[in-house]
PDB file of N, CA and C in Angstrom:
ATOM      1  N   MET A   1      17.917   4.169  -6.777  1.00  0.00           N
ATOM      2  CA  MET A   1      16.669   4.316  -7.488  1.00  0.00           C
ATOM      3  C   MET A   1      15.521   4.209  -6.494  1.00  0.00           C
ATOM      4  N   ASP A   2      14.548   5.075  -6.639  1.00  0.00           N
ATOM      5  CA  ASP A   2      13.373   5.060  -5.776  1.00  0.00           C
ATOM      6  C   ASP A   2      12.454   3.903  -6.169  1.00  0.00           C
ATOM      7  N   PRO A   3      11.828   3.289  -5.171  1.00  0.00           N
ATOM      8  CA  PRO A   3      10.886   2.204  -5.495  1.00  0.00           C
ATOM      9  C   PRO A   3       9.627   2.780  -6.141  1.00  0.00           C
ATOM     10  N   SER A   4       8.979   1.963  -6.960  1.00  0.00           N
ATOM     11  CA  SER A   4       7.742   2.395  -7.595  1.00  0.00           C
ATOM     12  C   SER A   4       6.618   2.413  -6.561  1.00  0.00           C
ATOM     13  N   LEU A   5       5.555   3.108  -6.894  1.00  0.00           N
ATOM     14  CA  LEU A   5       4.400   3.162  -5.993  1.00  0.00           C
ATOM     15  C   LEU A   5       3.862   1.768  -5.712  1.00  0.00           C
ATOM     16  N   ILE A   6       3.814   0.938  -6.729  1.00  0.00           N
ATOM     17  CA  ILE A   6       3.270  -0.405  -6.515  1.00  0.00           C
ATOM     18  C   ILE A   6       4.164  -1.218  -5.594  1.00  0.00           C
ATOM     19  N   GLU A   7       5.477  -1.029  -5.682  1.00  0.00           N
ATOM     20  CA  GLU A   7       6.395  -1.734  -4.780  1.00  0.00           C
ATOM     21  C   GLU A   7       6.245  -1.245  -3.351  1.00  0.00           C
ATOM     22  N   ILE A   8       6.073   0.062  -3.188  1.00  0.00           N
ATOM     23  CA  ILE A   8       5.864   0.614  -1.844  1.00  0.00           C
ATOM     24  C   ILE A   8       4.601   0.028  -1.231  1.00  0.00           C
ATOM     25  N   ILE A   9       3.531   0.027  -2.003  1.00  0.00           N
ATOM     26  CA  ILE A   9       2.256  -0.494  -1.512  1.00  0.00           C
ATOM     27  C   ILE A   9       2.357  -1.990  -1.246  1.00  0.00           C
ATOM     28  N   LYS A  10       3.019  -2.709  -2.138  1.00  0.00           N
ATOM     29  CA  LYS A  10       3.189  -4.157  -1.959  1.00  0.00           C
ATOM     30  C   LYS A  10       3.912  -4.464  -0.648  1.00  0.00           C
ATOM     31  N   GLN A  11       4.992  -3.767  -0.381  1.00  0.00           N
ATOM     32  CA  GLN A  11       5.748  -4.014   0.843  1.00  0.00           C
ATOM     33  C   GLN A  11       4.925  -3.662   2.083  1.00  0.00           C
ATOM     34  N   ALA A  12       4.172  -2.570   2.004  1.00  0.00           N
ATOM     35  CA  ALA A  12       3.328  -2.178   3.133  1.00  0.00           C
ATOM     36  C   ALA A  12       2.242  -3.220   3.384  1.00  0.00           C
ATOM     37  N   VAL A  13       1.631  -3.719   2.314  1.00  0.00           N
ATOM     38  CA  VAL A  13       0.576  -4.727   2.444  1.00  0.00           C
ATOM     39  C   VAL A  13       1.143  -6.028   3.005  1.00  0.00           C
ATOM     40  N   LEU A  14       2.286  -6.455   2.493  1.00  0.00           N
ATOM     41  CA  LEU A  14       2.895  -7.693   2.998  1.00  0.00           C
ATOM     42  C   LEU A  14       3.264  -7.570   4.470  1.00  0.00           C
ATOM     43  N   SER A  15       3.773  -6.415   4.850  1.00  0.00           N
ATOM     44  CA  SER A  15       4.102  -6.181   6.252  1.00  0.00           C
ATOM     45  C   SER A  15       2.842  -6.214   7.117  1.00  0.00           C
ATOM     46  N   ALA A  16       1.777  -5.573   6.624  1.00  0.00           N
ATOM     47  CA  ALA A  16       0.510  -5.558   7.363  1.00  0.00           C
ATOM     48  C   ALA A  16      -0.054  -6.974   7.502  1.00  0.00           C
ATOM     49  N   ARG A  17       0.043  -7.759   6.440  1.00  0.00           N
ATOM     50  CA  ARG A  17      -0.437  -9.154   6.503  1.00  0.00           C
ATOM     51  C   ARG A  17       0.367  -9.949   7.515  1.00  0.00           C
ATOM     52  N   GLY A  18       1.651  -9.687   7.537  1.00  0.00           N
ATOM     53  CA  GLY A  18       2.515 -10.381   8.489  1.00  0.00           C
ATOM     54  C   GLY A  18       2.155 -10.075   9.931  1.00  0.00           C
ATOM     55  N   GLN A  19       1.494  -8.947  10.138  1.00  0.00           N
ATOM     56  CA  GLN A  19       1.048  -8.564  11.473  1.00  0.00           C
ATOM     57  C   GLN A  19      -0.390  -8.988  11.730  1.00  0.00           C
ATOM     58  N   GLY A  20      -0.978  -9.698  10.764  1.00  0.00           N
ATOM     59  CA  GLY A  20      -2.330 -10.208  10.947  1.00  0.00           C
ATOM     60  C   GLY A  20      -3.445  -9.225  10.639  1.00  0.00           C
ATOM     61  N   LEU A  21      -3.135  -8.161   9.895  1.00  0.00           N
ATOM     62  CA  LEU A  21      -4.165  -7.175   9.573  1.00  0.00           C
ATOM     63  C   LEU A  21      -5.034  -7.656   8.411  1.00  0.00           C
ATOM     64  N   THR A  22      -6.245  -7.110   8.321  1.00  0.00           N
ATOM     65  CA  THR A  22      -7.192  -7.499   7.277  1.00  0.00           C
ATOM     66  C   THR A  22      -7.079  -6.567   6.075  1.00  0.00           C
ATOM     67  N   GLY A  23      -7.906  -6.784   5.058  1.00  0.00           N
ATOM     68  CA  GLY A  23      -7.858  -6.014   3.818  1.00  0.00           C
ATOM     69  C   GLY A  23      -7.945  -4.517   4.007  1.00  0.00           C
ATOM     70  N   SER A  24      -8.936  -4.038   4.737  1.00  0.00           N
ATOM     71  CA  SER A  24      -9.072  -2.586   4.917  1.00  0.00           C
ATOM     72  C   SER A  24      -7.925  -2.038   5.759  1.00  0.00           C
ATOM     73  N   GLU A  25      -7.458  -2.819   6.710  1.00  0.00           N
ATOM     74  CA  GLU A  25      -6.321  -2.392   7.532  1.00  0.00           C
ATOM     75  C   GLU A  25      -5.034  -2.387   6.702  1.00  0.00           C
ATOM     76  N   GLU A  26      -4.922  -3.328   5.775  1.00  0.00           N
ATOM     77  CA  GLU A  26      -3.770  -3.352   4.874  1.00  0.00           C
ATOM     78  C   GLU A  26      -3.738  -2.084   4.029  1.00  0.00           C
ATOM     79  N   ARG A  27      -4.887  -1.697   3.507  1.00  0.00           N
ATOM     80  CA  ARG A  27      -4.963  -0.482   2.688  1.00  0.00           C
ATOM     81  C   ARG A  27      -4.640   0.758   3.523  1.00  0.00           C
ATOM     82  N   ALA A  28      -5.132   0.810   4.737  1.00  0.00           N
ATOM     83  CA  ALA A  28      -4.838   1.948   5.616  1.00  0.00           C
ATOM     84  C   ALA A  28      -3.341   2.023   5.909  1.00  0.00           C
ATOM     85  N   ALA A  29      -2.719   0.880   6.124  1.00  0.00           N
ATOM     86  CA  ALA A  29      -1.272   0.846   6.375  1.00  0.00           C
ATOM     87  C   ALA A  29      -0.510   1.332   5.141  1.00  0.00           C
ATOM     88  N   ALA A  30      -0.942   0.903   3.973  1.00  0.00           N
ATOM     89  CA  ALA A  30      -0.283   1.333   2.735  1.00  0.00           C
ATOM     90  C   ALA A  30      -0.417   2.843   2.550  1.00  0.00           C
ATOM     91  N   GLU A  31      -1.583   3.391   2.864  1.00  0.00           N
ATOM     92  CA  GLU A  31      -1.783   4.837   2.771  1.00  0.00           C
ATOM     93  C   GLU A  31      -0.841   5.567   3.729  1.00  0.00           C
ATOM     94  N   ALA A  32      -0.721   5.065   4.939  1.00  0.00           N
ATOM     95  CA  ALA A  32       0.160   5.696   5.929  1.00  0.00           C
ATOM     96  C   ALA A  32       1.608   5.665   5.467  1.00  0.00           C
ATOM     97  N   VAL A  33       2.026   4.555   4.890  1.00  0.00           N
ATOM     98  CA  VAL A  33       3.398   4.449   4.388  1.00  0.00           C
ATOM     99  C   VAL A  33       3.624   5.443   3.259  1.00  0.00           C
ATOM    100  N   LEU A  34       2.674   5.520   2.327  1.00  0.00           N
ATOM    101  CA  LEU A  34       2.808   6.475   1.217  1.00  0.00           C
ATOM    102  C   LEU A  34       2.936   7.903   1.735  1.00  0.00           C
ATOM    103  N   MET A  35       2.082   8.275   2.684  1.00  0.00           N
ATOM    104  CA  MET A  35       2.115   9.641   3.203  1.00  0.00           C
ATOM    105  C   MET A  35       3.396   9.927   3.974  1.00  0.00           C
ATOM    106  N   SER A  36       3.966   8.899   4.608  1.00  0.00           N
ATOM    107  CA  SER A  36       5.228   9.128   5.320  1.00  0.00           C
ATOM    108  C   SER A  36       6.404   9.260   4.349  1.00  0.00           C
ATOM    109  N   MET A  37       6.311   8.565   3.213  1.00  0.00           N
ATOM    110  CA  MET A  37       7.386   8.635   2.222  1.00  0.00           C
ATOM    111  C   MET A  37       7.280   9.862   1.327  1.00  0.00           C
ATOM    112  N   ILE A  38       6.049  10.351   1.148  1.00  0.00           N
ATOM    113  CA  ILE A  38       5.803  11.517   0.294  1.00  0.00           C
ATOM    114  C   ILE A  38       4.989  12.512   1.122  1.00  0.00           C
ATOM    115  N   PRO A  39       5.648  13.313   1.943  1.00  0.00           N
ATOM    116  CA  PRO A  39       4.945  14.213   2.873  1.00  0.00           C
ATOM    117  C   PRO A  39       3.963  15.190   2.213  1.00  0.00           C
ATOM    118  N   SER A  40       4.185  15.535   0.961  1.00  0.00           N
ATOM    119  CA  SER A  40       3.288  16.480   0.291  1.00  0.00           C
ATOM    120  C   SER A  40       1.992  15.825  -0.192  1.00  0.00           C
ATOM    121  N   LEU A  41       1.887  14.519  -0.044  1.00  0.00           N
ATOM    122  CA  LEU A  41       0.708  13.775  -0.499  1.00  0.00           C
ATOM    123  C   LEU A  41      -0.444  13.963   0.477  1.00  0.00           C
ATOM    124  N   SER A  42      -1.598  14.317  -0.039  1.00  0.00           N
ATOM    125  CA  SER A  42      -2.771  14.477   0.828  1.00  0.00           C
ATOM    126  C   SER A  42      -3.380  13.101   1.114  1.00  0.00           C
ATOM    127  N   PRO A  43      -4.095  12.970   2.220  1.00  0.00           N
ATOM    128  CA  PRO A  43      -4.724  11.685   2.541  1.00  0.00           C
ATOM    129  C   PRO A  43      -5.673  11.197   1.442  1.00  0.00           C
ATOM    130  N   SER A  44      -6.402  12.101   0.814  1.00  0.00           N
ATOM    131  CA  SER A  44      -7.337  11.678  -0.232  1.00  0.00           C
ATOM    132  C   SER A  44      -6.612  11.144  -1.466  1.00  0.00           C
ATOM    133  N   ILE A  45      -5.486  11.734  -1.806  1.00  0.00           N
ATOM    134  CA  ILE A  45      -4.709  11.248  -2.955  1.00  0.00           C
ATOM    135  C   ILE A  45      -4.046   9.917  -2.610  1.00  0.00           C
ATOM    136  N   ALA A  46      -3.533   9.782  -1.393  1.00  0.00           N
ATOM    137  CA  ALA A  46      -2.948   8.503  -0.961  1.00  0.00           C
ATOM    138  C   ALA A  46      -4.007   7.408  -1.018  1.00  0.00           C
ATOM    139  N   ASN A  47      -5.218   7.727  -0.579  1.00  0.00           N
ATOM    140  CA  ASN A  47      -6.314   6.771  -0.634  1.00  0.00           C
ATOM    141  C   ASN A  47      -6.616   6.374  -2.071  1.00  0.00           C
ATOM    142  N   LEU A  48      -6.675   7.328  -2.954  1.00  0.00           N
ATOM    143  CA  LEU A  48      -6.956   7.055  -4.365  1.00  0.00           C
ATOM    144  C   LEU A  48      -5.888   6.150  -4.975  1.00  0.00           C
ATOM    145  N   ILE A  49      -4.628   6.457  -4.714  1.00  0.00           N
ATOM    146  CA  ILE A  49      -3.525   5.645  -5.250  1.00  0.00           C
ATOM    147  C   ILE A  49      -3.624   4.217  -4.743  1.00  0.00           C
ATOM    148  N   VAL A  50      -3.820   4.064  -3.443  1.00  0.00           N
ATOM    149  CA  VAL A  50      -3.898   2.717  -2.860  1.00  0.00           C
ATOM    150  C   VAL A  50      -5.107   1.963  -3.405  1.00  0.00           C
ATOM    151  N   GLU A  51      -6.248   2.620  -3.483  1.00  0.00           N
ATOM    152  CA  GLU A  51      -7.452   1.952  -3.991  1.00  0.00           C
ATOM    153  C   GLU A  51      -7.279   1.491  -5.432  1.00  0.00           C
ATOM    154  N   GLN A  52      -6.532   2.254  -6.226  1.00  0.00           N
ATOM    155  CA  GLN A  52      -6.306   1.886  -7.621  1.00  0.00           C
ATOM    156  C   GLN A  52      -5.291   0.749  -7.767  1.00  0.00           C
ATOM    157  N   LEU A  53      -4.278   0.722  -6.909  1.00  0.00           N
ATOM    158  CA  LEU A  53      -3.205  -0.267  -7.048  1.00  0.00           C
ATOM    159  C   LEU A  53      -3.387  -1.510  -6.186  1.00  0.00           C
ATOM    160  N   TYR A  54      -4.212  -1.434  -5.155  1.00  0.00           N
ATOM    161  CA  TYR A  54      -4.381  -2.557  -4.236  1.00  0.00           C
ATOM    162  C   TYR A  54      -4.799  -3.853  -4.941  1.00  0.00           C
ATOM    163  N   PRO A  55      -5.725  -3.832  -5.892  1.00  0.00           N
ATOM    164  CA  PRO A  55      -6.089  -5.098  -6.555  1.00  0.00           C
ATOM    165  C   PRO A  55      -4.903  -5.778  -7.241  1.00  0.00           C
ATOM    166  N   PHE A  56      -4.012  -4.995  -7.829  1.00  0.00           N
ATOM    167  CA  PHE A  56      -2.827  -5.563  -8.475  1.00  0.00           C
ATOM    168  C   PHE A  56      -1.867  -6.147  -7.442  1.00  0.00           C
ATOM    169  N   VAL A  57      -1.726  -5.448  -6.333  1.00  0.00           N
ATOM    170  CA  VAL A  57      -0.855  -5.923  -5.245  1.00  0.00           C
ATOM    171  C   VAL A  57      -1.405  -7.224  -4.661  1.00  0.00           C
ATOM    172  N   ALA A  58      -2.703  -7.262  -4.435  1.00  0.00           N
ATOM    173  CA  ALA A  58      -3.323  -8.469  -3.890  1.00  0.00           C
ATOM    174  C   ALA A  58      -3.143  -9.644  -4.841  1.00  0.00           C
ATOM    175  N   GLU A  59      -3.279  -9.382  -6.130  1.00  0.00           N
ATOM    176  CA  GLU A  59      -3.097 -10.421  -7.140  1.00  0.00           C
ATOM    177  C   GLU A  59      -1.650 -10.907  -7.173  1.00  0.00           C
ATOM    178  N   MET A  60      -0.708  -9.951  -7.112  1.00  0.00           N
ATOM    179  CA  MET A  60       0.717 -10.299  -7.109  1.00  0.00           C
ATOM    180  C   MET A  60       1.064 -11.122  -5.879  1.00  0.00           C
ATOM    181  N   SER A  61       0.508 -10.760  -4.748  1.00  0.00           N
ATOM    182  CA  SER A  61       0.799 -11.451  -3.492  1.00  0.00           C
ATOM    183  C   SER A  61       0.221 -12.871  -3.501  1.00  0.00           C
ATOM    184  N   ALA A  62      -0.925 -13.043  -4.104  1.00  0.00           N
ATOM    185  CA  ALA A  62      -1.552 -14.362  -4.165  1.00  0.00           C
ATOM    186  C   ALA A  62      -0.756 -15.295  -5.088  1.00  0.00           C
ATOM    187  N   ALA A  63      -0.151 -14.738  -6.118  1.00  0.00           N
ATOM    188  CA  ALA A  63       0.621 -15.541  -7.066  1.00  0.00           C
ATOM    189  C   ALA A  63       1.987 -15.927  -6.509  1.00  0.00           C
ATOM    190  N   ALA A  64       2.463 -15.187  -5.528  1.00  0.00           N
ATOM    191  CA  ALA A  64       3.811 -15.441  -4.979  1.00  0.00           C
ATOM    192  C   ALA A  64       3.834 -16.634  -4.055  1.00  0.00           C
TER     193      ALA A  64
END
């Protein structure tokens, strides 16, 4: 089963945090991961997806 978009973004953000990256860098890393996993995705759409889901990911990560 393929991971959901939120799971992909969550893992990318957690990995970025583990490397000491900040909020905007975390989002950029998540966008890069999305585009590498879905090659047909344009940068603007990847940005939109990450911007919409990032608050939920940040909330989930803070609760963990």
